[in-house]
C-alpha atoms as a PDB file:
ATOM      1  CA  MET A   1     110.865  39.900  58.615  1.00  0.00           C
ATOM      2  CA  ASN A   2     113.424  42.506  59.615  1.00  0.00           C
ATOM      3  CA  SER A   3     112.756  45.927  58.069  1.00  0.00           C
ATOM      4  CA  THR A   4     116.247  47.279  58.803  1.00  0.00           C
ATOM      5  CA  PRO A   5     118.205  47.590  55.551  1.00  0.00           C
ATOM      6  CA  LYS A   6     121.375  45.540  55.240  1.00  0.00           C
ATOM      7  CA  THR A   7     124.735  46.987  54.353  1.00  0.00           C
ATOM      8  CA  ALA A   8     126.077  46.127  50.909  1.00  0.00           C
ATOM      9  CA  ALA A   9     128.477  43.606  52.459  1.00  0.00           C
ATOM     10  CA  ALA A  10     125.721  41.954  54.501  1.00  0.00           C
ATOM     11  CA  GLY A  11     123.464  41.847  51.459  1.00  0.00           C
ATOM     12  CA  ALA A  12     126.169  40.165  49.387  1.00  0.00           C
ATOM     13  CA  ALA A  13     127.194  37.684  52.086  1.00  0.00           C
ATOM     14  CA  THR A  14     124.776  34.901  51.105  1.00  0.00           C
ATOM     15  CA  THR A  15     125.664  35.173  47.421  1.00  0.00           C
ATOM     16  CA  ALA A  16     129.373  35.063  48.267  1.00  0.00           C
ATOM     17  CA  TYR A  17     128.794  32.119  50.598  1.00  0.00           C
ATOM     18  CA  CYS A  18     126.920  30.144  47.941  1.00  0.00           C
ATOM     19  CA  ALA A  19     129.576  30.910  45.327  1.00  0.00           C
ATOM     20  CA  THR A  20     132.547  29.911  47.479  1.00  0.00           C
ATOM     21  CA  SER A  21     131.467  27.406  50.121  1.00  0.00           C
ATOM     22  CA  ARG A  22     131.791  23.691  49.538  1.00  0.00           C
ATOM     23  CA  ARG A  23     128.893  23.271  51.989  1.00  0.00           C
ATOM     24  CA  ALA A  24     126.394  25.179  49.823  1.00  0.00           C
ATOM     25  CA  ALA A  25     124.062  22.812  47.980  1.00  0.00           C
ATOM     26  CA  GLY A  26     123.686  23.597  44.277  1.00  0.00           C
ATOM     27  CA  GLY A  27     120.155  24.727  43.498  1.00  0.00           C
ATOM     28  CA  GLY A  28     119.368  25.344  47.160  1.00  0.00           C
ATOM     29  CA  TYR A  29     117.500  28.364  48.493  1.00  0.00           C
ATOM     30  CA  TYR A  30     119.561  30.301  51.022  1.00  0.00           C
ATOM     31  CA  VAL A  31     118.704  33.068  53.490  1.00  0.00           C
ATOM     32  CA  ASN A  32     121.447  34.648  55.590  1.00  0.00           C
ATOM     33  CA  CYS A  33     123.901  31.919  54.526  1.00  0.00           C
ATOM     34  CA  ASN A  34     121.555  29.149  55.677  1.00  0.00           C
ATOM     35  CA  LEU A  35     119.652  26.634  53.577  1.00  0.00           C
ATOM     36  CA  ALA A  36     115.954  27.522  53.828  1.00  0.00           C
ATOM     37  CA  ILE A  37     112.543  26.445  52.546  1.00  0.00           C
ATOM     38  CA  PRO A  38     111.066  28.840  49.956  1.00  0.00           C
ATOM     39  CA  GLY A  39     107.687  30.411  50.683  1.00  0.00           C
ATOM     40  CA  ALA A  40     104.478  29.246  49.041  1.00  0.00           C
ATOM     41  CA  ALA A  41     104.580  31.990  46.375  1.00  0.00           C
ATOM     42  CA  ALA A  42     107.971  30.741  45.175  1.00  0.00           C
ATOM     43  CA  MET A  43     106.528  27.261  44.708  1.00  0.00           C
ATOM     44  CA  ASP A  44     103.427  28.416  42.781  1.00  0.00           C
ATOM     45  CA  GLU A  45     103.968  27.201  39.200  1.00  0.00           C
ATOM     46  CA  ARG A  46     101.409  29.642  37.759  1.00  0.00           C
ATOM     47  CA  LEU A  47     103.177  32.569  39.400  1.00  0.00           C
ATOM     48  CA  GLN A  48     106.563  31.209  38.290  1.00  0.00           C
ATOM     49  CA  ARG A  49     105.345  31.215  34.683  1.00  0.00           C
ATOM     50  CA  LYS A  50     104.036  34.793  34.974  1.00  0.00           C
ATOM     51  CA  VAL A  51     107.359  36.034  36.359  1.00  0.00           C
ATOM     52  CA  TRP A  52     109.306  34.138  33.668  1.00  0.00           C
ATOM     53  CA  ASP A  53     107.135  35.561  30.889  1.00  0.00           C
ATOM     54  CA  LEU A  54     107.469  39.111  32.244  1.00  0.00           C
ATOM     55  CA  ALA A  55     111.250  38.797  32.601  1.00  0.00           C
ATOM     56  CA  THR A  56     111.503  37.466  29.047  1.00  0.00           C
ATOM     57  CA  ARG A  57     109.467  40.383  27.666  1.00  0.00           C
ATOM     58  CA  LEU A  58     111.572  42.915  29.592  1.00  0.00           C
ATOM     59  CA  CYS A  59     114.823  41.384  28.316  1.00  0.00           C
ATOM     60  CA  GLU A  60     113.541  41.398  24.742  1.00  0.00           C
ATOM     61  CA  ARG A  61     112.504  45.044  25.091  1.00  0.00           C
ATOM     62  CA  GLU A  62     115.943  45.955  26.440  1.00  0.00           C
ATOM     63  CA  GLU A  63     117.645  44.183  23.533  1.00  0.00           C
ATOM     64  CA  GLU A  64     115.449  46.067  21.060  1.00  0.00           C
ATOM     65  CA  GLU A  65     116.332  49.393  22.707  1.00  0.00           C
ATOM     66  CA  GLU A  66     120.057  48.554  22.593  1.00  0.00           C
ATOM     67  CA  GLU A  67     119.773  47.687  18.891  1.00  0.00           C
ATOM     68  CA  GLU A  68     117.984  50.988  18.191  1.00  0.00           C
ATOM     69  CA  GLU A  69     120.682  52.929  20.078  1.00  0.00           C
ATOM     70  CA  ALA A  70     123.417  51.133  18.114  1.00  0.00           C
ATOM     71  CA  MET A  71     121.737  52.091  14.833  1.00  0.00           C
ATOM     72  CA  THR A  72     121.543  55.780  15.743  1.00  0.00           C
ATOM     73  CA  ALA A  73     125.093  56.010  17.134  1.00  0.00           C
END
């Protein structure tokens, strides 16, 4: 893995490619504009569930904070 940081444009290139290219396969995993195979951690269903649950809790917390701010504004 390359430890050199990418520029903003280079970092956005794969997202832009997937959003605009007719060659990009929907639901595919891409690295540097190329279809790739995800690592083992990405395929671990137990880990997927943990990440999903954490993301859900964080989103709920953010919504609660936004509601509290709206009430005090």
